[in-house]
C-alpha atoms as a PDB file:
ATOM      1  CA  MET A   1      40.841 -31.426   7.433  1.00  0.00           C
ATOM      2  CA  THR A   2      38.734 -31.309   4.358  1.00  0.00           C
ATOM      3  CA  ALA A   3      38.085 -27.968   2.473  1.00  0.00           C
ATOM      4  CA  SER A   4      34.365 -27.729   3.463  1.00  0.00           C
ATOM      5  CA  LYS A   5      35.063 -28.502   7.273  1.00  0.00           C
ATOM      6  CA  THR A   6      38.007 -25.740   7.092  1.00  0.00           C
ATOM      7  CA  ALA A   7      35.621 -23.127   5.621  1.00  0.00           C
ATOM      8  CA  ALA A   8      32.844 -24.069   8.173  1.00  0.00           C
ATOM      9  CA  ALA A   9      35.377 -23.606  10.927  1.00  0.00           C
ATOM     10  CA  VAL A  10      36.532 -20.170   9.751  1.00  0.00           C
ATOM     11  CA  LYS A  11      33.048 -18.818   8.901  1.00  0.00           C
ATOM     12  CA  PRO A  12      31.167 -17.330  11.863  1.00  0.00           C
ATOM     13  CA  ALA A  13      27.903 -18.901  12.804  1.00  0.00           C
ATOM     14  CA  ARG A  14      24.921 -16.734  11.660  1.00  0.00           C
ATOM     15  CA  ALA A  15      23.534 -16.296  15.403  1.00  0.00           C
ATOM     16  CA  ALA A  16      26.979 -14.911  16.183  1.00  0.00           C
ATOM     17  CA  ARG A  17      26.960 -12.194  13.745  1.00  0.00           C
ATOM     18  CA  LYS A  18      26.237  -8.574  15.203  1.00  0.00           C
ATOM     19  CA  GLU A  19      24.310  -7.015  12.328  1.00  0.00           C
ATOM     20  CA  PRO A  20      20.752  -8.318  11.230  1.00  0.00           C
ATOM     21  CA  PRO A  21      20.609 -10.144   7.893  1.00  0.00           C
ATOM     22  CA  ALA A  22      19.818  -7.860   4.845  1.00  0.00           C
ATOM     23  CA  GLU A  23      16.340  -9.214   4.170  1.00  0.00           C
ATOM     24  CA  ALA A  24      15.164  -8.466   7.884  1.00  0.00           C
ATOM     25  CA  ALA A  25      16.324  -4.918   7.424  1.00  0.00           C
ATOM     26  CA  ALA A  26      14.477  -4.629   4.100  1.00  0.00           C
ATOM     27  CA  GLU A  27      11.087  -5.905   5.784  1.00  0.00           C
ATOM     28  CA  THR A  28      10.918  -3.240   8.244  1.00  0.00           C
ATOM     29  CA  SER A  29      10.649  -0.526   5.590  1.00  0.00           C
ATOM     30  CA  GLU A  30       7.971  -0.090   2.827  1.00  0.00           C
ATOM     31  CA  LEU A  31       8.643  -1.201  -0.762  1.00  0.00           C
ATOM     32  CA  MET A  32       9.661   1.526  -3.186  1.00  0.00           C
ATOM     33  CA  MET A  33       6.735   1.497  -5.732  1.00  0.00           C
ATOM     34  CA  GLY A  34       8.918   2.886  -8.627  1.00  0.00           C
ATOM     35  CA  GLU A  35       7.052   3.075 -11.928  1.00  0.00           C
ATOM     36  CA  LEU A  36       4.052   1.295 -10.534  1.00  0.00           C
ATOM     37  CA  SER A  37       2.771   4.471  -8.794  1.00  0.00           C
ATOM     38  CA  GLU A  38       2.656   6.216 -12.197  1.00  0.00           C
ATOM     39  CA  LEU A  39       0.472   3.591 -13.999  1.00  0.00           C
ATOM     40  CA  LEU A  40      -3.180   4.381 -14.500  1.00  0.00           C
ATOM     41  CA  GLY A  41      -4.041   0.624 -14.689  1.00  0.00           C
ATOM     42  CA  TYR A  42      -2.265  -0.261 -11.309  1.00  0.00           C
ATOM     43  CA  ALA A  43      -3.783   2.712  -9.679  1.00  0.00           C
ATOM     44  CA  LEU A  44      -7.301   1.820 -10.825  1.00  0.00           C
ATOM     45  CA  LYS A  45      -6.844  -1.801  -9.763  1.00  0.00           C
ATOM     46  CA  ARG A  46      -5.655  -0.766  -6.070  1.00  0.00           C
ATOM     47  CA  ALA A  47      -8.543   1.628  -5.933  1.00  0.00           C
ATOM     48  CA  GLN A  48     -11.041  -1.074  -7.141  1.00  0.00           C
ATOM     49  CA  LEU A  49      -9.749  -3.424  -4.327  1.00  0.00           C
ATOM     50  CA  ARG A  50     -10.406  -0.789  -1.761  1.00  0.00           C
ATOM     51  CA  VAL A  51     -13.696   0.157  -3.083  1.00  0.00           C
ATOM     52  CA  PHE A  52     -14.823  -3.283  -3.231  1.00  0.00           C
ATOM     53  CA  GLU A  53     -13.453  -4.196   0.352  1.00  0.00           C
ATOM     54  CA  ASP A  54     -15.554  -1.064   1.601  1.00  0.00           C
ATOM     55  CA  PHE A  55     -18.635  -2.237  -0.552  1.00  0.00           C
ATOM     56  CA  LEU A  56     -18.383  -5.636   1.153  1.00  0.00           C
ATOM     57  CA  GLN A  57     -18.424  -4.157   4.616  1.00  0.00           C
ATOM     58  CA  SER A  58     -21.143  -1.794   3.911  1.00  0.00           C
ATOM     59  CA  VAL A  59     -23.575  -4.485   2.527  1.00  0.00           C
ATOM     60  CA  ALA A  60     -22.551  -7.185   4.940  1.00  0.00           C
ATOM     61  CA  PRO A  61     -26.155  -7.432   6.628  1.00  0.00           C
ATOM     62  CA  VAL A  62     -27.460  -8.641   3.078  1.00  0.00           C
ATOM     63  CA  GLN A  63     -24.348 -10.636   1.928  1.00  0.00           C
ATOM     64  CA  LEU A  64     -24.048  -9.336  -1.630  1.00  0.00           C
ATOM     65  CA  THR A  65     -20.957  -9.089  -3.657  1.00  0.00           C
ATOM     66  CA  PRO A  66     -20.506  -6.015  -5.952  1.00  0.00           C
ATOM     67  CA  ALA A  67     -21.331  -8.355  -8.991  1.00  0.00           C
ATOM     68  CA  GLN A  68     -24.331  -9.872  -7.357  1.00  0.00           C
ATOM     69  CA  PHE A  69     -25.605  -6.351  -6.469  1.00  0.00           C
ATOM     70  CA  SER A  70     -25.203  -5.272 -10.171  1.00  0.00           C
ATOM     71  CA  VAL A  71     -27.159  -8.276 -11.416  1.00  0.00           C
ATOM     72  CA  LEU A  72     -30.038  -7.494  -9.085  1.00  0.00           C
ATOM     73  CA  LEU A  73     -30.038  -3.908 -10.044  1.00  0.00           C
ATOM     74  CA  LEU A  74     -30.178  -4.787 -13.842  1.00  0.00           C
ATOM     75  CA  LEU A  75     -32.935  -7.311 -13.216  1.00  0.00           C
ATOM     76  CA  ASP A  76     -35.064  -4.748 -11.156  1.00  0.00           C
ATOM     77  CA  ALA A  77     -34.531  -2.336 -14.227  1.00  0.00           C
ATOM     78  CA  ASN A  78     -35.057  -5.005 -16.877  1.00  0.00           C
ATOM     79  CA  PRO A  79     -37.576  -7.579 -15.811  1.00  0.00           C
ATOM     80  CA  GLY A  80     -38.073 -10.522 -18.005  1.00  0.00           C
ATOM     81  CA  ARG A  81     -34.644 -10.135 -19.931  1.00  0.00           C
ATOM     82  CA  ASN A  82     -32.569 -13.225 -20.693  1.00  0.00           C
ATOM     83  CA  GLN A  83     -29.391 -14.258 -18.861  1.00  0.00           C
ATOM     84  CA  THR A  84     -27.178 -13.814 -21.909  1.00  0.00           C
ATOM     85  CA  GLU A  85     -28.208 -10.152 -22.034  1.00  0.00           C
ATOM     86  CA  ILE A  86     -27.602  -9.427 -18.348  1.00  0.00           C
ATOM     87  CA  ALA A  87     -24.298 -11.234 -18.457  1.00  0.00           C
ATOM     88  CA  THR A  88     -22.987  -9.424 -21.458  1.00  0.00           C
ATOM     89  CA  THR A  89     -24.029  -6.033 -20.275  1.00  0.00           C
ATOM     90  CA  LEU A  90     -22.137  -6.748 -17.118  1.00  0.00           C
ATOM     91  CA  GLY A  91     -19.090  -8.479 -18.806  1.00  0.00           C
ATOM     92  CA  ILE A  92     -19.593 -11.569 -16.779  1.00  0.00           C
ATOM     93  CA  LEU A  93     -18.412 -14.830 -18.492  1.00  0.00           C
ATOM     94  CA  ARG A  94     -21.094 -17.241 -18.985  1.00  0.00           C
ATOM     95  CA  PRO A  95     -19.842 -20.105 -16.588  1.00  0.00           C
ATOM     96  CA  ASN A  96     -19.335 -17.467 -13.901  1.00  0.00           C
ATOM     97  CA  PHE A  97     -22.785 -15.975 -14.484  1.00  0.00           C
ATOM     98  CA  VAL A  98     -24.492 -19.328 -14.166  1.00  0.00           C
ATOM     99  CA  ALA A  99     -22.866 -20.081 -10.857  1.00  0.00           C
ATOM    100  CA  MET A 100     -23.791 -16.575  -9.731  1.00  0.00           C
ATOM    101  CA  LEU A 101     -27.392 -17.125 -10.729  1.00  0.00           C
ATOM    102  CA  ASP A 102     -27.271 -20.530  -9.079  1.00  0.00           C
ATOM    103  CA  ALA A 103     -26.251 -18.850  -5.860  1.00  0.00           C
ATOM    104  CA  LEU A 104     -28.723 -15.879  -6.080  1.00  0.00           C
ATOM    105  CA  GLU A 105     -31.679 -18.380  -6.980  1.00  0.00           C
ATOM    106  CA  SER A 106     -30.647 -20.813  -4.100  1.00  0.00           C
ATOM    107  CA  ARG A 107     -31.260 -17.688  -1.760  1.00  0.00           C
ATOM    108  CA  GLY A 108     -34.583 -17.133  -3.323  1.00  0.00           C
ATOM    109  CA  LEU A 109     -33.577 -13.766  -4.776  1.00  0.00           C
ATOM    110  CA  CYS A 110     -34.296 -14.507  -8.344  1.00  0.00           C
ATOM    111  CA  GLN A 111     -35.739 -17.053 -10.641  1.00  0.00           C
ATOM    112  CA  ARG A 112     -35.003 -18.457 -14.033  1.00  0.00           C
ATOM    113  CA  THR A 113     -37.782 -19.350 -16.489  1.00  0.00           C
ATOM    114  CA  ARG A 114     -37.583 -20.825 -19.982  1.00  0.00           C
ATOM    115  CA  SER A 115     -38.317 -18.310 -22.609  1.00  0.00           C
ATOM    116  CA  PRO A 116     -41.432 -18.860 -24.454  1.00  0.00           C
ATOM    117  CA  SER A 117     -39.924 -17.625 -27.750  1.00  0.00           C
ATOM    118  CA  ASP A 118     -36.431 -19.499 -27.272  1.00  0.00           C
ATOM    119  CA  ARG A 119     -36.492 -22.609 -25.291  1.00  0.00           C
ATOM    120  CA  ARG A 120     -32.570 -22.552 -25.005  1.00  0.00           C
ATOM    121  CA  SER A 121     -32.805 -19.208 -23.260  1.00  0.00           C
ATOM    122  CA  HIS A 122     -33.898 -18.290 -19.615  1.00  0.00           C
ATOM    123  CA  ILE A 123     -35.773 -15.205 -18.580  1.00  0.00           C
ATOM    124  CA  LEU A 124     -34.712 -13.652 -15.320  1.00  0.00           C
ATOM    125  CA  MET A 125     -37.026 -12.115 -12.569  1.00  0.00           C
ATOM    126  CA  LEU A 126     -36.385 -10.790  -9.273  1.00  0.00           C
ATOM    127  CA  THR A 127     -38.508 -12.327  -6.546  1.00  0.00           C
ATOM    128  CA  ASP A 128     -40.352 -10.547  -3.716  1.00  0.00           C
ATOM    129  CA  LYS A 129     -37.528 -11.411  -1.557  1.00  0.00           C
ATOM    130  CA  GLY A 130     -34.901 -10.192  -4.143  1.00  0.00           C
ATOM    131  CA  ARG A 131     -36.635  -6.930  -4.264  1.00  0.00           C
ATOM    132  CA  ALA A 132     -36.695  -6.645  -0.578  1.00  0.00           C
ATOM    133  CA  THR A 133     -32.910  -7.535  -0.475  1.00  0.00           C
ATOM    134  CA  LEU A 134     -32.227  -5.249  -3.214  1.00  0.00           C
ATOM    135  CA  ALA A 135     -34.044  -2.373  -1.628  1.00  0.00           C
ATOM    136  CA  ARG A 136     -32.104  -2.833   1.672  1.00  0.00           C
ATOM    137  CA  ALA A 137     -28.870  -3.003  -0.142  1.00  0.00           C
ATOM    138  CA  LYS A 138     -29.516  -0.021  -2.102  1.00  0.00           C
ATOM    139  CA  LYS A 139     -30.076   1.868   1.151  1.00  0.00           C
ATOM    140  CA  LEU A 140     -26.882   0.473   2.661  1.00  0.00           C
ATOM    141  CA  VAL A 141     -24.735   1.315  -0.443  1.00  0.00           C
ATOM    142  CA  ALA A 142     -26.230   4.951  -0.703  1.00  0.00           C
ATOM    143  CA  THR A 143     -25.786   5.827   3.105  1.00  0.00           C
ATOM    144  CA  ARG A 144     -22.470   3.870   3.708  1.00  0.00           C
ATOM    145  CA  HIS A 145     -20.560   2.998   0.663  1.00  0.00           C
ATOM    146  CA  GLU A 146     -21.400   5.942  -1.751  1.00  0.00           C
ATOM    147  CA  ALA A 147     -21.515   8.331   1.049  1.00  0.00           C
ATOM    148  CA  ARG A 148     -18.012   7.577   2.145  1.00  0.00           C
ATOM    149  CA  LEU A 149     -16.645   7.796  -1.343  1.00  0.00           C
ATOM    150  CA  THR A 150     -18.293  11.166  -1.930  1.00  0.00           C
ATOM    151  CA  GLU A 151     -16.958  12.548   1.241  1.00  0.00           C
ATOM    152  CA  LEU A 152     -13.601  11.513   0.547  1.00  0.00           C
ATOM    153  CA  LEU A 153     -13.636  12.902  -3.002  1.00  0.00           C
ATOM    154  CA  GLY A 154     -16.362  15.705  -2.881  1.00  0.00           C
ATOM    155  CA  ARG A 155     -19.433  15.746  -5.108  1.00  0.00           C
ATOM    156  CA  ASP A 156     -17.790  17.524  -7.825  1.00  0.00           C
ATOM    157  CA  ASN A 157     -14.722  15.134  -7.979  1.00  0.00           C
ATOM    158  CA  SER A 158     -16.975  12.100  -7.772  1.00  0.00           C
ATOM    159  CA  GLU A 159     -19.047  13.351 -10.766  1.00  0.00           C
ATOM    160  CA  ALA A 160     -15.810  14.043 -12.739  1.00  0.00           C
ATOM    161  CA  LEU A 161     -14.322  10.587 -11.854  1.00  0.00           C
ATOM    162  CA  LEU A 162     -17.511   8.811 -12.668  1.00  0.00           C
ATOM    163  CA  ALA A 163     -17.591  10.628 -16.164  1.00  0.00           C
ATOM    164  CA  MET A 164     -13.981   9.624 -16.662  1.00  0.00           C
ATOM    165  CA  LEU A 165     -14.341   5.945 -15.710  1.00  0.00           C
ATOM    166  CA  ALA A 166     -17.417   5.801 -17.935  1.00  0.00           C
ATOM    167  CA  LYS A 167     -15.372   7.108 -20.904  1.00  0.00           C
ATOM    168  CA  ILE A 168     -12.593   4.572 -20.232  1.00  0.00           C
ATOM    169  CA  ALA A 169     -15.192   1.685 -20.175  1.00  0.00           C
ATOM    170  CA  ARG A 170     -17.061   3.108 -23.307  1.00  0.00           C
ATOM    171  CA  GLU A 171     -13.843   4.020 -25.528  1.00  0.00           C
ATOM    172  CA  PHE A 172     -10.895   2.382 -24.314  1.00  0.00           C
END
C-alpha cells in the first residue's frame, strides 16, 4: 500500500466524525467586531447604510434615491444654476452626475438647456412634473423617514447630531 492510501485508510471520513467542523460552529454565532465598533468612520458608514435603506423604503412611491432627491431639492432652491455648481455642491463626480441627470430628464423631472452666457455649460431647471414629484417626496421624507429618525433619537439629539455632522463635513 502506498503512503497516501495508508493515510486515507487510517483517517476517518468527515461524515463519520461526531463533532461539527469548526467553521460551521463559527457561523452560528455573531462575529466579534473588535476595534471596528470603536471607529467613528465605520459607525458613520453603518448608520448611513441603514438611513439610506429607510429613505429608499420611505420614498418608494416616487422612486428617488437620496442623491436624486438632493439634486431636486437644490434645483428647486436654485433654479437656473449650472450642472457643475450643483454637482460640486453635492460632491458628485461629473460622469456620475451626467448619468443621474440623464435619468431624471428621461423621467421628465428636470431639463437641461445651454447657458446663454457659456455655451459649454448647461442650465438646470425642474419641470412641473419634477416640482410635483419633489413635493410628494418631501412629504414622504418628513412624515416617514425624518419622523422615524427623530423618534429614535429625540429632537435634541437629532439637532445635536445634525450639527456634529455639519461640523465634520465643513472642517474635516
